[in-house]
């Protein structure tokens, strides 16, 4: 009887340790998400006093503004970009996550009766084609749309209107840059 009493606490302790350790391993895995949001970003948000207070007060605009200041949208986009190649669809997907998790609807979107976000004014196909080339050439790493203006983000984090950068890097220049990149990586 005495042995059973000692075994039960040891079994419970081992269970707690394995669940805790296993949970830690799951949470520390770079591909882990909570409701579609990478765990690292959830922890970053909860670790920020201003974001946490806005979340607790259910102040959607304050929370969105703070998340924007923290660079959360771009981090989430970087997480999903390998899976969602189309930049406009990636932006919509990320905003759908914001809407699903905090109820925030970006200015560029409206919500249909089924709770799905749609662009008020979708990015044109020329932007989508150009962005794909610019991303492959290493000229841009992200984009966003504000007040009907499409912006692109450089690898250094600079934000500029798409039309300005397109004038500097037209599609034919980007295609040549991609060819040079491909040739130099093949030569290695």
N, C-alpha and C. Protein backbone atom coordinates (compact mmCIF):
# COMPACT_ATOMS: atom_id res chain seq x y z
N UNK A 1 0.82 -1.18 0.00
CA UNK A 1 0.00 0.00 0.00
C UNK A 1 0.88 1.25 0.00
N UNK A 2 1.95 1.20 0.73
CA UNK A 2 2.85 2.33 0.83
C UNK A 2 3.52 2.65 -0.51
N UNK A 3 3.84 1.60 -1.27
CA UNK A 3 4.46 1.78 -2.58
C UNK A 3 3.50 2.49 -3.53
N UNK A 4 2.21 2.14 -3.49
CA UNK A 4 1.22 2.78 -4.36
C UNK A 4 1.11 4.26 -4.06
N UNK A 5 1.15 4.62 -2.80
CA UNK A 5 1.05 6.03 -2.43
C UNK A 5 2.24 6.84 -2.95
N UNK A 6 3.40 6.22 -3.01
CA UNK A 6 4.59 6.90 -3.53
C UNK A 6 4.55 6.96 -5.05
N UNK A 7 4.02 5.95 -5.69
CA UNK A 7 3.99 5.88 -7.15
C UNK A 7 3.03 6.90 -7.74
N UNK A 8 1.87 7.10 -7.13
CA UNK A 8 0.87 8.02 -7.66
C UNK A 8 1.41 9.45 -7.74
N UNK A 9 1.99 10.01 -6.68
CA UNK A 9 2.53 11.38 -6.80
C UNK A 9 3.65 11.47 -7.84
N UNK A 10 4.47 10.45 -7.93
CA UNK A 10 5.54 10.44 -8.93
C UNK A 10 4.93 10.42 -10.33
N UNK A 11 3.90 9.61 -10.55
CA UNK A 11 3.23 9.54 -11.86
C UNK A 11 2.60 10.88 -12.20
N UNK A 12 1.97 11.50 -11.22
CA UNK A 12 1.35 12.81 -11.46
C UNK A 12 2.43 13.84 -11.80
N UNK A 13 3.51 13.82 -11.04
CA UNK A 13 4.60 14.77 -11.29
C UNK A 13 5.19 14.56 -12.69
N UNK A 14 5.40 13.32 -13.08
CA UNK A 14 5.92 13.04 -14.42
C UNK A 14 4.95 13.49 -15.50
N UNK A 15 3.66 13.30 -15.27
CA UNK A 15 2.64 13.74 -16.25
C UNK A 15 2.67 15.25 -16.41
N UNK A 16 2.73 15.96 -15.29
CA UNK A 16 2.77 17.42 -15.33
C UNK A 16 4.02 17.89 -16.07
N UNK A 17 5.16 17.28 -15.75
CA UNK A 17 6.41 17.66 -16.41
C UNK A 17 6.34 17.39 -17.91
N UNK A 18 5.82 16.22 -18.30
CA UNK A 18 5.78 15.90 -19.73
C UNK A 18 4.80 16.80 -20.47
N UNK A 19 3.64 17.10 -19.87
CA UNK A 19 2.68 18.00 -20.51
C UNK A 19 3.27 19.40 -20.60
N UNK A 20 3.89 19.85 -19.53
CA UNK A 20 4.51 21.18 -19.53
C UNK A 20 5.62 21.24 -20.55
N UNK A 21 6.50 20.25 -20.54
CA UNK A 21 7.62 20.24 -21.49
C UNK A 21 7.11 20.11 -22.91
N UNK A 22 6.15 19.21 -23.12
CA UNK A 22 5.57 19.03 -24.46
C UNK A 22 4.88 20.29 -24.93
N UNK A 23 4.16 20.97 -24.04
CA UNK A 23 3.51 22.23 -24.38
C UNK A 23 4.54 23.29 -24.72
N UNK A 24 5.63 23.32 -23.95
CA UNK A 24 6.69 24.28 -24.24
C UNK A 24 7.29 24.00 -25.60
N UNK A 25 7.53 22.73 -25.91
CA UNK A 25 8.07 22.38 -27.23
C UNK A 25 7.12 22.82 -28.33
N UNK A 26 5.81 22.59 -28.13
CA UNK A 26 4.82 22.97 -29.14
C UNK A 26 4.82 24.49 -29.31
N UNK A 27 4.79 25.23 -28.19
CA UNK A 27 4.74 26.68 -28.27
C UNK A 27 6.02 27.28 -28.85
N UNK A 28 7.15 26.61 -28.64
CA UNK A 28 8.41 27.15 -29.13
C UNK A 28 8.66 26.78 -30.59
N UNK A 29 7.84 25.90 -31.15
CA UNK A 29 8.01 25.53 -32.55
C UNK A 29 7.67 26.72 -33.44
N UNK A 30 8.53 27.07 -34.41
CA UNK A 30 8.30 28.27 -35.22
C UNK A 30 7.01 28.24 -36.05
N UNK A 31 6.44 27.08 -36.30
CA UNK A 31 5.23 27.00 -37.11
C UNK A 31 3.96 26.95 -36.26
N UNK A 32 4.08 27.10 -34.95
CA UNK A 32 2.91 27.03 -34.07
C UNK A 32 2.08 28.31 -34.15
N UNK A 33 0.76 28.12 -34.13
CA UNK A 33 -0.14 29.27 -34.15
C UNK A 33 -1.25 29.09 -33.12
N UNK A 34 -1.85 30.20 -32.75
CA UNK A 34 -3.05 30.20 -31.93
C UNK A 34 -4.08 30.99 -32.73
N UNK A 35 -5.15 30.32 -33.12
CA UNK A 35 -6.19 30.92 -33.96
C UNK A 35 -5.60 31.53 -35.22
N UNK A 36 -4.58 30.88 -35.78
CA UNK A 36 -3.96 31.34 -37.02
C UNK A 36 -2.85 32.36 -36.85
N UNK A 37 -2.64 32.84 -35.64
CA UNK A 37 -1.60 33.85 -35.40
C UNK A 37 -0.39 33.15 -34.80
N UNK A 38 0.80 33.39 -35.37
CA UNK A 38 2.00 32.75 -34.81
C UNK A 38 2.14 33.02 -33.31
N UNK A 39 2.51 31.99 -32.57
CA UNK A 39 2.62 32.08 -31.11
C UNK A 39 3.56 33.21 -30.70
N UNK A 40 4.65 33.38 -31.41
CA UNK A 40 5.60 34.44 -31.05
C UNK A 40 4.93 35.81 -31.09
N UNK A 41 4.01 36.01 -32.01
CA UNK A 41 3.32 37.30 -32.14
C UNK A 41 2.26 37.45 -31.05
N UNK A 42 1.59 36.35 -30.71
CA UNK A 42 0.63 36.39 -29.61
C UNK A 42 1.36 36.78 -28.32
N UNK A 43 2.52 36.15 -28.09
CA UNK A 43 3.30 36.46 -26.88
C UNK A 43 3.81 37.90 -26.90
N UNK A 44 4.23 38.37 -28.06
CA UNK A 44 4.69 39.75 -28.21
C UNK A 44 3.56 40.72 -27.88
N UNK A 45 2.36 40.43 -28.37
CA UNK A 45 1.20 41.28 -28.12
C UNK A 45 0.83 41.28 -26.65
N UNK A 46 0.76 40.10 -26.06
CA UNK A 46 0.39 40.00 -24.66
C UNK A 46 1.46 40.59 -23.74
N UNK A 47 2.69 40.63 -24.22
CA UNK A 47 3.79 41.19 -23.44
C UNK A 47 3.88 42.70 -23.53
N UNK A 48 3.09 43.31 -24.40
CA UNK A 48 3.11 44.76 -24.56
C UNK A 48 1.96 45.36 -23.75
N UNK A 49 2.28 46.23 -22.79
CA UNK A 49 1.26 46.79 -21.90
C UNK A 49 0.14 47.50 -22.66
N UNK A 50 0.51 48.33 -23.63
CA UNK A 50 -0.49 49.10 -24.36
C UNK A 50 -1.42 48.19 -25.17
N UNK A 51 -0.84 47.19 -25.84
CA UNK A 51 -1.66 46.25 -26.63
C UNK A 51 -2.56 45.42 -25.71
N UNK A 52 -1.99 44.98 -24.60
CA UNK A 52 -2.77 44.16 -23.66
C UNK A 52 -3.94 44.96 -23.08
N UNK A 53 -3.71 46.22 -22.74
CA UNK A 53 -4.78 47.06 -22.20
C UNK A 53 -5.88 47.29 -23.24
N UNK A 54 -5.48 47.55 -24.49
CA UNK A 54 -6.47 47.75 -25.55
C UNK A 54 -7.27 46.48 -25.77
N UNK A 55 -6.61 45.34 -25.67
CA UNK A 55 -7.29 44.05 -25.81
C UNK A 55 -8.29 43.83 -24.67
N UNK A 56 -7.88 44.14 -23.46
CA UNK A 56 -8.76 43.97 -22.30
C UNK A 56 -9.97 44.91 -22.36
N UNK A 57 -9.76 46.13 -22.85
CA UNK A 57 -10.86 47.10 -22.98
C UNK A 57 -11.70 46.86 -24.23
N UNK A 58 -11.25 45.91 -25.07
CA UNK A 58 -11.92 45.59 -26.34
C UNK A 58 -11.99 46.81 -27.25
N UNK A 59 -10.91 47.61 -27.21
CA UNK A 59 -10.79 48.79 -28.05
C UNK A 59 -10.09 48.38 -29.35
N UNK A 60 -10.88 48.03 -30.36
CA UNK A 60 -10.35 47.48 -31.61
C UNK A 60 -9.39 48.44 -32.32
N UNK A 61 -9.77 49.71 -32.40
CA UNK A 61 -8.92 50.67 -33.10
C UNK A 61 -7.60 50.89 -32.38
N UNK A 62 -7.63 51.04 -31.06
CA UNK A 62 -6.39 51.23 -30.29
C UNK A 62 -5.50 50.00 -30.42
N UNK A 63 -6.11 48.82 -30.37
CA UNK A 63 -5.33 47.59 -30.50
C UNK A 63 -4.71 47.49 -31.89
N UNK A 64 -5.50 47.78 -32.93
CA UNK A 64 -4.97 47.72 -34.29
C UNK A 64 -3.82 48.71 -34.46
N UNK A 65 -3.99 49.93 -33.95
CA UNK A 65 -2.93 50.94 -34.07
C UNK A 65 -1.66 50.49 -33.35
N UNK A 66 -1.82 49.88 -32.17
CA UNK A 66 -0.64 49.42 -31.42
C UNK A 66 0.03 48.26 -32.15
N UNK A 67 -0.77 47.34 -32.66
CA UNK A 67 -0.20 46.21 -33.42
C UNK A 67 0.54 46.71 -34.65
N UNK A 68 0.02 47.75 -35.26
CA UNK A 68 0.68 48.35 -36.41
C UNK A 68 2.03 48.94 -35.99
N UNK A 69 2.06 49.64 -34.84
CA UNK A 69 3.31 50.20 -34.33
C UNK A 69 4.32 49.11 -34.01
N UNK A 70 3.84 47.98 -33.56
CA UNK A 70 4.73 46.86 -33.22
C UNK A 70 5.18 46.08 -34.46
N UNK A 71 4.61 46.38 -35.62
CA UNK A 71 4.98 45.68 -36.86
C UNK A 71 4.38 44.29 -36.97
N UNK A 72 3.29 44.05 -36.26
CA UNK A 72 2.69 42.72 -36.21
C UNK A 72 2.16 42.28 -37.58
N UNK A 73 1.51 43.18 -38.30
CA UNK A 73 0.94 42.79 -39.60
C UNK A 73 2.03 42.25 -40.52
N UNK A 74 3.15 42.94 -40.59
CA UNK A 74 4.23 42.49 -41.47
C UNK A 74 4.85 41.18 -40.98
N UNK A 75 4.91 40.98 -39.68
CA UNK A 75 5.42 39.71 -39.15
C UNK A 75 4.50 38.55 -39.50
N UNK A 76 3.20 38.78 -39.39
CA UNK A 76 2.24 37.73 -39.74
C UNK A 76 2.31 37.46 -41.24
N UNK A 77 2.44 38.52 -42.03
CA UNK A 77 2.56 38.34 -43.49
C UNK A 77 3.81 37.54 -43.82
N UNK A 78 4.92 37.86 -43.16
CA UNK A 78 6.17 37.12 -43.41
C UNK A 78 5.99 35.64 -43.08
N UNK A 79 5.22 35.36 -42.03
CA UNK A 79 4.96 33.98 -41.62
C UNK A 79 4.17 33.23 -42.70
N UNK A 80 3.17 33.89 -43.30
CA UNK A 80 2.29 33.24 -44.27
C UNK A 80 2.72 33.40 -45.73
N UNK A 81 3.66 34.31 -46.01
CA UNK A 81 4.05 34.57 -47.40
C UNK A 81 4.52 33.32 -48.15
N UNK A 82 5.26 32.40 -47.52
CA UNK A 82 5.65 31.19 -48.27
C UNK A 82 4.45 30.34 -48.71
N UNK A 83 3.33 30.45 -47.97
CA UNK A 83 2.15 29.66 -48.31
C UNK A 83 1.19 30.41 -49.22
N UNK A 84 1.16 31.74 -49.13
CA UNK A 84 0.23 32.56 -49.92
C UNK A 84 1.07 33.51 -50.76
N UNK A 85 1.29 33.17 -52.00
CA UNK A 85 2.18 33.92 -52.88
C UNK A 85 1.58 35.23 -53.38
N UNK A 86 0.27 35.25 -53.58
CA UNK A 86 -0.41 36.43 -54.09
C UNK A 86 -0.51 37.47 -52.98
N UNK A 87 0.14 38.62 -53.16
CA UNK A 87 0.24 39.63 -52.10
C UNK A 87 -1.13 40.20 -51.71
N UNK A 88 -2.01 40.39 -52.67
CA UNK A 88 -3.34 40.92 -52.35
C UNK A 88 -4.13 39.90 -51.53
N UNK A 89 -4.03 38.63 -51.90
CA UNK A 89 -4.73 37.59 -51.14
C UNK A 89 -4.11 37.44 -49.75
N UNK A 90 -2.79 37.58 -49.66
CA UNK A 90 -2.11 37.53 -48.37
C UNK A 90 -2.60 38.66 -47.47
N UNK A 91 -2.72 39.86 -48.00
CA UNK A 91 -3.20 41.00 -47.22
C UNK A 91 -4.62 40.75 -46.74
N UNK A 92 -5.47 40.24 -47.62
CA UNK A 92 -6.85 39.95 -47.25
C UNK A 92 -6.89 38.87 -46.17
N UNK A 93 -6.07 37.84 -46.32
CA UNK A 93 -6.03 36.75 -45.35
C UNK A 93 -5.62 37.25 -43.96
N UNK A 94 -4.60 38.11 -43.92
CA UNK A 94 -4.11 38.65 -42.65
C UNK A 94 -5.19 39.52 -42.01
N UNK A 95 -5.85 40.33 -42.81
CA UNK A 95 -6.93 41.17 -42.26
C UNK A 95 -8.11 40.31 -41.81
N UNK A 96 -8.33 39.18 -42.48
CA UNK A 96 -9.38 38.26 -42.03
C UNK A 96 -9.02 37.71 -40.65
N UNK A 97 -7.74 37.41 -40.43
CA UNK A 97 -7.29 36.96 -39.10
C UNK A 97 -7.54 38.03 -38.05
N UNK A 98 -7.21 39.29 -38.39
CA UNK A 98 -7.48 40.39 -37.46
C UNK A 98 -8.97 40.47 -37.15
N UNK A 99 -9.78 40.37 -38.18
CA UNK A 99 -11.23 40.46 -37.98
C UNK A 99 -11.73 39.29 -37.12
N UNK A 100 -11.29 38.08 -37.45
CA UNK A 100 -11.74 36.89 -36.71
C UNK A 100 -11.31 36.93 -35.24
N UNK A 101 -10.12 37.46 -34.97
CA UNK A 101 -9.58 37.42 -33.61
C UNK A 101 -9.90 38.63 -32.76
N UNK A 102 -9.97 39.81 -33.36
CA UNK A 102 -10.22 41.01 -32.55
C UNK A 102 -11.39 41.84 -33.06
N UNK A 103 -11.98 41.44 -34.18
CA UNK A 103 -13.15 42.15 -34.69
C UNK A 103 -12.82 43.40 -35.47
N UNK A 104 -11.55 43.65 -35.74
CA UNK A 104 -11.16 44.86 -36.46
C UNK A 104 -11.35 44.66 -37.96
N UNK A 105 -11.96 45.65 -38.62
CA UNK A 105 -12.11 45.62 -40.08
C UNK A 105 -11.25 46.75 -40.64
N UNK A 106 -10.26 46.37 -41.46
CA UNK A 106 -9.40 47.38 -42.08
C UNK A 106 -10.20 48.30 -43.00
N UNK A 107 -9.68 49.52 -43.19
CA UNK A 107 -10.38 50.52 -44.00
C UNK A 107 -10.57 50.09 -45.45
N UNK A 108 -9.71 49.22 -45.94
CA UNK A 108 -9.79 48.80 -47.34
C UNK A 108 -10.80 47.67 -47.55
N UNK A 109 -11.48 47.22 -46.48
CA UNK A 109 -12.33 46.03 -46.55
C UNK A 109 -13.76 46.30 -46.10
N UNK A 110 -14.64 45.41 -46.52
CA UNK A 110 -15.99 45.33 -45.95
C UNK A 110 -16.25 43.87 -45.63
N UNK A 111 -17.20 43.63 -44.73
CA UNK A 111 -17.51 42.27 -44.29
C UNK A 111 -18.86 41.89 -44.89
N UNK A 112 -18.91 40.72 -45.53
CA UNK A 112 -20.19 40.25 -46.06
C UNK A 112 -20.98 39.55 -44.96
N UNK A 113 -22.17 39.09 -45.31
CA UNK A 113 -23.05 38.45 -44.33
C UNK A 113 -22.49 37.18 -43.72
N UNK A 114 -21.53 36.56 -44.39
CA UNK A 114 -20.93 35.32 -43.88
C UNK A 114 -19.68 35.60 -43.04
N UNK A 115 -19.35 36.89 -42.84
CA UNK A 115 -18.17 37.23 -42.04
C UNK A 115 -16.87 37.18 -42.81
N UNK A 116 -16.94 37.24 -44.13
CA UNK A 116 -15.75 37.18 -44.98
C UNK A 116 -15.40 38.60 -45.43
N UNK A 117 -14.13 38.96 -45.30
CA UNK A 117 -13.67 40.27 -45.76
C UNK A 117 -13.47 40.29 -47.26
N UNK A 118 -13.81 41.42 -47.87
CA UNK A 118 -13.60 41.66 -49.30
C UNK A 118 -13.03 43.06 -49.46
N UNK A 119 -12.20 43.24 -50.48
CA UNK A 119 -11.68 44.58 -50.77
C UNK A 119 -12.81 45.48 -51.23
N UNK A 120 -12.79 46.72 -50.74
CA UNK A 120 -13.71 47.72 -51.27
C UNK A 120 -13.30 48.05 -52.70
N UNK A 121 -11.99 48.15 -52.89
CA UNK A 121 -11.42 48.41 -54.21
C UNK A 121 -10.23 47.47 -54.37
N UNK A 122 -10.44 46.33 -55.02
CA UNK A 122 -9.35 45.33 -55.09
C UNK A 122 -8.14 45.86 -55.85
N UNK A 123 -6.93 45.44 -55.42
CA UNK A 123 -5.72 45.81 -56.17
C UNK A 123 -5.83 45.28 -57.59
N UNK A 124 -5.36 46.06 -58.53
CA UNK A 124 -5.46 45.62 -59.92
C UNK A 124 -4.45 44.52 -60.22
N UNK A 125 -4.70 43.83 -61.32
CA UNK A 125 -3.82 42.73 -61.71
C UNK A 125 -2.41 43.19 -62.01
N UNK A 126 -2.25 44.44 -62.47
CA UNK A 126 -0.90 44.92 -62.78
C UNK A 126 -0.06 44.97 -61.51
N UNK A 127 -0.66 45.37 -60.38
CA UNK A 127 0.08 45.37 -59.12
C UNK A 127 0.46 43.95 -58.74
N UNK A 128 -0.48 43.04 -58.84
CA UNK A 128 -0.19 41.65 -58.45
C UNK A 128 0.95 41.08 -59.25
N UNK A 129 0.95 41.28 -60.56
CA UNK A 129 2.02 40.77 -61.43
C UNK A 129 3.34 41.44 -61.10
N UNK A 130 3.30 42.79 -60.94
CA UNK A 130 4.52 43.52 -60.63
C UNK A 130 5.08 43.08 -59.28
N UNK A 131 4.23 42.96 -58.26
CA UNK A 131 4.70 42.59 -56.93
C UNK A 131 5.39 41.23 -56.96
N UNK A 132 4.82 40.28 -57.66
CA UNK A 132 5.42 38.94 -57.74
C UNK A 132 6.85 39.03 -58.30
N UNK A 133 7.02 39.83 -59.35
CA UNK A 133 8.36 40.01 -59.93
C UNK A 133 9.29 40.75 -58.95
N UNK A 134 8.78 41.83 -58.35
CA UNK A 134 9.59 42.63 -57.44
C UNK A 134 10.02 41.83 -56.22
N UNK A 135 9.14 40.95 -55.75
CA UNK A 135 9.48 40.09 -54.61
C UNK A 135 10.57 39.10 -55.01
N UNK A 136 10.41 38.49 -56.18
CA UNK A 136 11.41 37.53 -56.66
C UNK A 136 12.76 38.20 -56.91
N UNK A 137 12.73 39.48 -57.29
CA UNK A 137 13.97 40.21 -57.55
C UNK A 137 14.60 40.74 -56.27
N UNK A 138 13.88 40.66 -55.15
CA UNK A 138 14.41 41.14 -53.88
C UNK A 138 14.23 42.63 -53.65
N UNK A 139 13.38 43.27 -54.45
CA UNK A 139 13.14 44.71 -54.33
C UNK A 139 12.17 45.02 -53.20
N UNK A 140 11.18 44.16 -52.99
CA UNK A 140 10.17 44.37 -51.95
C UNK A 140 10.01 43.11 -51.11
N UNK A 141 9.49 43.32 -49.89
CA UNK A 141 9.21 42.19 -49.01
C UNK A 141 7.77 42.18 -48.52
N UNK A 142 7.04 43.26 -48.83
CA UNK A 142 5.66 43.33 -48.38
C UNK A 142 4.92 44.47 -49.03
N UNK A 143 3.63 44.54 -48.70
CA UNK A 143 2.80 45.63 -49.22
C UNK A 143 1.66 45.89 -48.27
N UNK A 144 1.05 47.04 -48.43
CA UNK A 144 -0.16 47.35 -47.69
C UNK A 144 -0.94 48.38 -48.48
N UNK A 145 -2.23 48.45 -48.19
CA UNK A 145 -3.09 49.40 -48.86
C UNK A 145 -3.71 50.30 -47.81
N UNK A 146 -3.59 51.61 -48.01
CA UNK A 146 -4.18 52.57 -47.08
C UNK A 146 -4.89 53.65 -47.87
N UNK A 147 -6.14 53.88 -47.51
CA UNK A 147 -6.94 54.93 -48.15
C UNK A 147 -6.91 54.83 -49.68
N UNK A 148 -6.98 53.61 -50.18
CA UNK A 148 -7.02 53.39 -51.62
C UNK A 148 -5.68 53.47 -52.32
N UNK A 149 -4.60 53.70 -51.58
CA UNK A 149 -3.26 53.78 -52.17
C UNK A 149 -2.50 52.52 -51.83
N UNK A 150 -1.91 51.90 -52.85
CA UNK A 150 -1.12 50.69 -52.65
C UNK A 150 0.32 51.08 -52.35
N UNK A 151 0.86 50.57 -51.25
CA UNK A 151 2.24 50.83 -50.86
C UNK A 151 3.03 49.52 -50.89
N UNK A 152 4.35 49.64 -51.09
CA UNK A 152 5.23 48.48 -51.01
C UNK A 152 6.29 48.75 -49.94
N UNK A 153 6.84 47.66 -49.42
CA UNK A 153 7.80 47.74 -48.33
C UNK A 153 9.12 47.13 -48.80
N UNK A 154 10.19 47.88 -48.63
CA UNK A 154 11.52 47.42 -49.06
C UNK A 154 12.09 46.44 -48.04
N UNK A 155 13.15 45.72 -48.41
CA UNK A 155 13.79 44.82 -47.44
C UNK A 155 14.29 45.55 -46.19
N UNK A 156 14.57 46.84 -46.29
CA UNK A 156 15.02 47.62 -45.13
C UNK A 156 13.86 48.17 -44.31
N UNK A 157 12.63 47.94 -44.78
CA UNK A 157 11.46 48.41 -44.04
C UNK A 157 10.91 49.75 -44.51
N UNK A 158 11.51 50.33 -45.54
CA UNK A 158 11.00 51.60 -46.08
C UNK A 158 9.68 51.35 -46.80
N UNK A 159 8.74 52.29 -46.65
CA UNK A 159 7.42 52.18 -47.27
C UNK A 159 7.30 53.29 -48.30
N UNK A 160 6.86 52.93 -49.51
CA UNK A 160 6.70 53.91 -50.58
C UNK A 160 5.50 53.52 -51.44
N UNK A 161 4.90 54.50 -52.09
CA UNK A 161 3.78 54.18 -52.99
C UNK A 161 4.24 53.25 -54.12
N UNK A 162 3.42 52.27 -54.40
CA UNK A 162 3.71 51.29 -55.46
C UNK A 162 4.07 51.98 -56.77
N UNK A 163 3.29 52.98 -57.17
CA UNK A 163 3.51 53.65 -58.46
C UNK A 163 4.90 54.27 -58.54
N UNK A 164 5.41 54.83 -57.42
CA UNK A 164 6.75 55.42 -57.42
C UNK A 164 7.83 54.37 -57.64
N UNK A 165 7.69 53.24 -56.97
CA UNK A 165 8.69 52.18 -57.09
C UNK A 165 8.57 51.47 -58.43
N UNK A 166 7.35 51.33 -58.92
CA UNK A 166 7.15 50.72 -60.25
C UNK A 166 7.84 51.56 -61.33
N UNK A 167 7.85 52.89 -61.16
CA UNK A 167 8.51 53.76 -62.14
C UNK A 167 10.02 53.53 -62.14
N UNK A 168 10.58 53.22 -60.98
CA UNK A 168 12.02 52.97 -60.87
C UNK A 168 12.36 51.55 -61.34
N UNK A 169 11.49 50.60 -60.99
CA UNK A 169 11.70 49.19 -61.32
C UNK A 169 10.54 48.67 -62.16
N UNK A 170 10.48 49.02 -63.45
CA UNK A 170 9.41 48.46 -64.28
C UNK A 170 9.60 46.95 -64.46
N UNK A 171 8.56 46.30 -64.93
CA UNK A 171 8.56 44.83 -65.03
C UNK A 171 9.76 44.30 -65.82
N UNK A 172 10.13 44.95 -66.93
CA UNK A 172 11.25 44.45 -67.74
C UNK A 172 12.57 44.50 -66.97
N UNK A 173 12.76 45.53 -66.15
CA UNK A 173 13.97 45.64 -65.32
C UNK A 173 13.97 44.54 -64.26
N UNK A 174 12.82 44.31 -63.65
CA UNK A 174 12.71 43.26 -62.64
C UNK A 174 13.01 41.88 -63.23
N UNK A 175 12.50 41.62 -64.42
CA UNK A 175 12.76 40.34 -65.08
C UNK A 175 14.25 40.14 -65.31
N UNK A 176 14.96 41.22 -65.72
CA UNK A 176 16.42 41.13 -65.91
C UNK A 176 17.12 40.89 -64.58
N UNK A 177 16.66 41.55 -63.53
CA UNK A 177 17.26 41.35 -62.21
C UNK A 177 17.09 39.90 -61.75
N UNK A 178 15.93 39.33 -62.02
CA UNK A 178 15.67 37.94 -61.65
C UNK A 178 16.59 37.01 -62.43
N UNK A 179 16.78 37.29 -63.72
CA UNK A 179 17.68 36.47 -64.54
C UNK A 179 19.10 36.50 -63.99
N UNK A 180 19.57 37.69 -63.64
CA UNK A 180 20.93 37.84 -63.09
C UNK A 180 21.03 37.08 -61.78
N UNK A 181 20.02 37.22 -60.95
CA UNK A 181 20.00 36.51 -59.66
C UNK A 181 20.05 35.00 -59.86
N UNK A 182 19.24 34.52 -60.80
CA UNK A 182 19.17 33.09 -61.08
C UNK A 182 20.50 32.59 -61.62
N UNK A 183 21.11 33.35 -62.53
CA UNK A 183 22.39 32.95 -63.12
C UNK A 183 23.50 32.93 -62.07
N UNK A 184 23.51 33.93 -61.19
CA UNK A 184 24.57 33.98 -60.17
C UNK A 184 24.41 32.87 -59.14
N UNK A 185 23.16 32.50 -58.83
CA UNK A 185 22.97 31.40 -57.87
C UNK A 185 23.24 30.05 -58.52
N UNK A 186 23.05 29.95 -59.83
CA UNK A 186 23.36 28.69 -60.55
C UNK A 186 24.87 28.50 -60.67
N UNK A 187 25.61 29.60 -60.74
CA UNK A 187 27.06 29.53 -60.91
C UNK A 187 27.74 29.10 -59.62
N UNK A 188 27.06 29.20 -58.50
CA UNK A 188 27.68 28.85 -57.21
C UNK A 188 27.74 27.41 -57.00
